Amino acid sequence: MGETDKKFKLTRQLLRLAIDAAGYRNEDIAVKAGLSGKSVAQVSAWRNGRKNATERQMAYFIKEYGHLLKRKMEHLFCFCDPISDAAVTRYEKLSGEVVFKHQIRVSSQKGRATSSTAVLRFIVLEDNYNFHVIQQVRGGLTRDQLKKGLYYEVFHSDNEDANWYSYCISTRLDLDGILETFNGFKTSLLDNTNPVDRLCYGNNSANYESPFFSAKQVQPLEYSFYQKLMKLGLHSDLLPF
C-alpha cells in the first residue's frame, strides 16, 4: 500500500471541521476527494465514522483544515492536589477528540436563591481508537465553602478548562478500560471517596453520609455516558444493554 493509500484515521473529525468552516455538502466532499459527485453514500460513511478515507482522498482537506484539526485535538490539563494544599502545579498535554464531558453539580446558595455549582468533571478523549479519561475537581474549592454551601471563591475563569484541576488521568484505554474507570468514578460518588467528600471530611470521609452526592447525580451521569457510547457505536459485555 502506497503512502497516500493509507487510511486517514481522523477522517470524521477533519470533515466535521471542514463542514463547520465552509458548509461543504456531501457532493462537494466527494468531488474534493476525487470521487464522483454521486458518491454521497461513501461520504456519509466517512462522516459518521463507519469508514475512513485514504490520505490521498483527504489531501485537500488536510491542506486546508489540518492545522485546525491539530489545534482542536490538543488539550492541556493541570494537576494540583486540593487535599494536601500543595502549591505545586504540573501540566500534561493529551491529544484526542472530546467524546464525553459531564459535570457533577452540588447545591449552592446565592443570596436567598438556591443554585448549583459544578465541582467534579469527567472527560473522555478518543485518539486513534484509544481513549484517555480525565477526572477533575473544581479549582479553588475549600472545606469552608463546602461546609457553608457558598462557592464564591472557586475558580471562575473565562477559560472554562482553567477552572479545573485533574486528580486522575488514565491514558490509552480500550473500551473495557473506560467502563472500569467510569464505574470507579461513579462508585466514588456513592462511597464518599471522591475529592469533594475527602476535602470536607478528610481521610474519614467514608464514615460519613455525603451531603453532596446521591443517586440524583449518578443516574443522569450514567445515562449520559451510556447514551454517548451507544451513539458512537461502541459495544462491550460490560455494558448493561
Protein backbone atom coordinates (compact mmCIF):
# COMPACT_ATOMS: atom_id res chain seq x y z
CA MET A 1 0.00 0.00 0.00
CA GLY A 2 1.40 3.36 -1.03
CA GLU A 3 1.87 6.18 1.41
CA THR A 4 -1.16 8.07 0.09
CA ASP A 5 -3.32 4.90 0.21
CA LYS A 6 -3.01 4.71 3.98
CA LYS A 7 -6.24 5.24 5.85
CA PHE A 8 -6.61 8.66 7.44
CA LYS A 9 -7.78 7.81 10.96
CA LEU A 10 -9.21 11.25 11.70
CA THR A 11 -11.47 11.37 8.64
CA ARG A 12 -14.67 12.01 10.59
CA GLN A 13 -13.14 14.75 12.74
CA LEU A 14 -11.50 16.51 9.78
CA LEU A 15 -14.67 16.51 7.70
CA ARG A 16 -16.67 17.86 10.63
CA LEU A 17 -14.27 20.79 10.89
CA ALA A 18 -14.40 21.42 7.14
CA ILE A 19 -18.20 21.37 7.12
CA ASP A 20 -18.39 23.73 10.10
CA ALA A 21 -15.92 26.10 8.44
CA ALA A 22 -17.22 26.14 4.87
CA GLY A 23 -20.55 24.30 4.76
CA TYR A 24 -19.47 21.52 2.37
CA ARG A 25 -22.24 19.24 1.10
CA ASN A 26 -21.62 15.52 0.66
CA GLU A 27 -21.44 16.09 -3.10
CA ASP A 28 -18.73 18.75 -2.62
CA ILE A 29 -16.71 16.49 -0.36
CA ALA A 30 -16.88 13.63 -2.85
CA VAL A 31 -15.54 15.82 -5.67
CA LYS A 32 -12.74 17.24 -3.48
CA ALA A 33 -11.81 13.64 -2.62
CA GLY A 34 -11.50 12.73 -6.31
CA LEU A 35 -14.77 10.79 -6.46
CA SER A 36 -17.93 11.30 -8.46
CA GLY A 37 -20.33 13.85 -7.07
CA LYS A 38 -22.83 10.99 -6.82
CA SER A 39 -20.68 9.13 -4.26
CA VAL A 40 -22.66 10.58 -1.36
CA ALA A 41 -23.08 7.20 0.37
CA GLN A 42 -19.30 6.88 0.61
CA VAL A 43 -19.04 10.36 2.10
CA SER A 44 -21.82 9.57 4.59
CA ALA A 45 -19.82 6.56 5.76
CA TRP A 46 -16.81 8.82 6.31
CA ARG A 47 -18.82 11.44 8.15
CA ASN A 48 -20.43 9.03 10.61
CA GLY A 49 -17.17 7.18 11.28
CA ARG A 50 -18.12 3.83 9.71
CA LYS A 51 -15.20 4.09 7.28
CA ASN A 52 -12.03 6.14 6.91
CA ALA A 53 -10.90 7.77 3.68
CA THR A 54 -7.33 7.43 2.45
CA GLU A 55 -4.76 10.16 2.95
CA ARG A 56 -4.88 10.80 -0.80
CA GLN A 57 -8.64 11.31 -0.72
CA MET A 58 -8.32 13.67 2.25
CA ALA A 59 -5.33 15.58 0.81
CA TYR A 60 -7.33 18.74 0.04
CA PHE A 61 -8.95 18.83 3.47
CA ILE A 62 -5.68 18.08 5.26
CA LYS A 63 -4.05 21.00 3.45
CA GLU A 64 -6.91 23.42 4.14
CA TYR A 65 -8.02 22.36 7.62
CA GLY A 66 -5.30 20.12 9.05
CA HIS A 67 -3.95 22.94 11.23
CA LEU A 68 -7.40 23.46 12.75
CA LEU A 69 -7.71 19.76 13.46
CA LYS A 70 -4.36 19.66 15.25
CA ARG A 71 -5.37 22.65 17.37
CA LYS A 72 -8.76 21.14 18.22
CA MET A 73 -7.28 17.76 19.15
CA GLU A 74 -4.70 19.07 21.64
CA HIS A 75 -5.75 19.59 25.26
CA LEU A 76 -3.85 20.87 28.29
CA PHE A 77 -4.65 19.64 31.79
CA CYS A 78 -3.21 20.81 35.09
CA PHE A 79 -2.67 18.90 38.33
CA CYS A 80 -2.72 20.20 41.88
CA ASP A 81 -3.70 18.17 44.96
CA PRO A 82 -6.58 20.06 46.63
CA ILE A 83 -6.46 17.78 49.67
CA SER A 84 -2.84 18.40 50.67
CA ASP A 85 -2.91 22.13 49.83
CA ALA A 86 0.18 21.57 47.70
CA ALA A 87 1.25 24.68 45.83
CA VAL A 88 2.98 22.72 43.06
CA THR A 89 1.06 22.61 39.80
CA ARG A 90 2.12 20.49 36.84
CA TYR A 91 0.72 20.17 33.35
CA GLU A 92 0.07 17.38 30.87
CA LYS A 93 -0.85 17.65 27.19
CA LEU A 94 -3.06 15.00 25.61
CA SER A 95 -4.35 14.60 22.07
CA GLY A 96 -7.78 13.37 21.08
CA GLU A 97 -11.35 14.32 20.32
CA VAL A 98 -13.59 15.08 23.29
CA VAL A 99 -16.31 12.43 23.00
CA PHE A 100 -17.79 12.83 26.50
CA LYS A 101 -17.77 15.56 29.12
CA HIS A 102 -20.02 15.67 32.19
CA GLN A 103 -20.07 17.94 35.23
CA ILE A 104 -21.29 16.91 38.67
CA ARG A 105 -23.03 19.78 40.45
CA VAL A 106 -23.94 20.44 44.09
CA SER A 107 -26.49 22.79 45.63
CA SER A 108 -25.22 26.25 46.47
CA GLN A 109 -26.61 29.45 47.93
CA LYS A 110 -26.53 32.77 46.07
CA GLY A 111 -28.15 35.29 48.37
CA ARG A 112 -31.60 33.94 49.12
CA ALA A 113 -31.68 31.86 45.97
CA THR A 114 -30.64 28.22 45.72
CA SER A 115 -28.49 27.41 42.71
CA SER A 116 -25.87 24.80 41.81
CA THR A 117 -22.12 24.78 41.31
CA ALA A 118 -20.08 22.29 39.25
CA VAL A 119 -17.47 20.63 41.48
CA LEU A 120 -16.41 17.47 39.60
CA ARG A 121 -15.92 16.75 35.91
CA PHE A 122 -15.44 13.52 33.92
CA ILE A 123 -13.95 13.73 30.40
CA VAL A 124 -13.22 11.10 27.74
CA LEU A 125 -10.92 11.74 24.75
CA GLU A 126 -10.65 9.43 21.74
CA ASP A 127 -7.29 9.25 19.97
CA ASN A 128 -6.92 6.73 17.14
CA TYR A 129 -9.22 4.18 18.80
CA ASN A 130 -7.51 4.63 22.17
CA PHE A 131 -9.19 6.55 24.96
CA HIS A 132 -8.00 8.90 27.70
CA VAL A 133 -10.13 9.50 30.80
CA ILE A 134 -9.65 12.65 32.87
CA GLN A 135 -11.23 13.11 36.31
CA GLN A 136 -11.25 16.67 37.63
CA VAL A 137 -12.19 18.73 40.69
CA ARG A 138 -13.09 22.42 40.69
CA GLY A 139 -10.15 24.71 41.41
CA GLY A 140 -10.36 26.94 44.47
CA LEU A 141 -12.69 24.60 46.34
CA THR A 142 -12.16 24.67 50.15
CA ARG A 143 -13.54 22.87 53.19
CA ASP A 144 -15.10 26.08 54.47
CA GLN A 145 -17.01 26.61 51.22
CA LEU A 146 -18.28 23.04 51.29
CA LYS A 147 -19.47 23.35 54.89
CA LYS A 148 -21.36 26.58 54.18
CA GLY A 149 -22.62 25.74 50.69
CA LEU A 150 -21.15 29.03 49.43
CA TYR A 151 -18.78 28.82 46.47
CA TYR A 152 -17.75 32.39 45.75
CA GLU A 153 -14.03 31.53 45.84
CA VAL A 154 -13.96 28.67 43.36
CA PHE A 155 -12.24 29.44 40.07
CA HIS A 156 -14.36 31.46 37.62
CA SER A 157 -12.06 31.93 34.63
CA ASP A 158 -13.40 32.92 31.20
CA ASN A 159 -11.44 29.88 30.01
CA GLU A 160 -13.62 27.06 31.34
CA ASP A 161 -10.81 24.48 31.24
CA ALA A 162 -8.71 26.69 33.55
CA ASN A 163 -11.31 26.21 36.30
CA TRP A 164 -10.40 22.57 36.85
CA TYR A 165 -7.62 20.53 38.47
CA SER A 166 -7.10 16.98 37.24
CA TYR A 167 -6.70 14.46 40.04
CA CYS A 168 -6.65 11.27 37.94
CA ILE A 169 -5.75 10.71 34.28
CA SER A 170 -5.93 7.26 32.68
CA THR A 171 -4.45 7.00 29.20
CA ARG A 172 -4.58 4.63 26.23
CA LEU A 173 -7.56 2.63 27.47
CA ASP A 174 -9.72 0.26 25.46
CA LEU A 175 -13.50 0.31 25.87
CA ASP A 176 -13.48 -2.10 28.82
CA GLY A 177 -10.86 0.11 30.46
CA ILE A 178 -13.10 3.16 30.05
CA LEU A 179 -16.03 1.33 31.61
CA GLU A 180 -13.96 0.16 34.57
CA THR A 181 -12.67 3.70 35.14
CA PHE A 182 -16.17 5.12 34.81
CA ASN A 183 -17.54 2.62 37.32
CA GLY A 184 -14.77 3.61 39.73
CA PHE A 185 -15.67 7.29 39.37
CA LYS A 186 -19.36 6.52 39.86
CA THR A 187 -18.63 4.43 42.96
CA SER A 188 -16.51 7.22 44.44
CA LEU A 189 -19.59 9.45 44.42
CA LEU A 190 -21.60 6.95 46.44
CA ASP A 191 -18.97 5.75 48.93
CA ASN A 192 -17.57 9.25 49.65
CA THR A 193 -14.04 8.54 48.36
CA ASN A 194 -14.14 11.39 45.83
CA PRO A 195 -12.05 14.58 46.29
CA VAL A 196 -15.03 16.69 47.38
CA ASP A 197 -16.02 14.45 50.30
CA ARG A 198 -12.36 13.91 51.19
CA LEU A 199 -11.78 17.66 51.24
CA CYS A 200 -14.77 18.14 53.53
CA TYR A 201 -14.21 15.18 55.89
CA GLY A 202 -10.57 14.20 55.42
CA ASN A 203 -9.46 10.58 55.36
CA ASN A 204 -12.56 9.55 57.33
CA SER A 205 -14.91 10.59 54.54
CA ALA A 206 -16.12 7.01 54.03
CA ASN A 207 -17.58 7.06 57.57
CA TYR A 208 -19.97 9.92 56.78
CA GLU A 209 -23.11 10.17 54.73
CA SER A 210 -22.26 12.55 51.92
CA PRO A 211 -24.33 15.74 51.86
CA PHE A 212 -23.17 16.35 48.28
CA PHE A 213 -23.76 13.28 46.13
CA SER A 214 -26.52 10.70 45.76
CA ALA A 215 -28.35 8.78 43.06
CA LYS A 216 -29.77 12.05 41.72
CA GLN A 217 -26.30 12.93 40.39
CA VAL A 218 -25.24 9.40 39.47
CA GLN A 219 -28.26 8.42 37.37
CA PRO A 220 -28.02 11.36 34.89
CA LEU A 221 -24.25 10.79 34.66
CA GLU A 222 -24.74 7.09 33.94
CA TYR A 223 -27.46 7.65 31.35
CA SER A 224 -25.48 10.35 29.52
CA PHE A 225 -22.37 8.17 29.43
CA TYR A 226 -24.13 5.05 28.16
CA GLN A 227 -26.07 7.07 25.59
CA LYS A 228 -22.84 8.52 24.21
CA LEU A 229 -21.25 5.07 23.90
CA MET A 230 -24.36 3.83 22.09
CA LYS A 231 -24.30 6.76 19.64
CA LEU A 232 -20.60 6.10 18.98
CA GLY A 233 -21.46 2.51 18.09
CA LEU A 234 -19.28 1.05 20.86
CA HIS A 235 -20.10 -2.36 22.33
CA SER A 236 -18.83 -4.29 25.35
CA ASP A 237 -20.03 -7.18 27.52
CA LEU A 238 -19.63 -4.79 30.47
CA LEU A 239 -22.40 -2.54 29.16
CA PRO A 240 -25.86 -3.11 30.70
CA PHE A 241 -27.64 -3.06 27.34
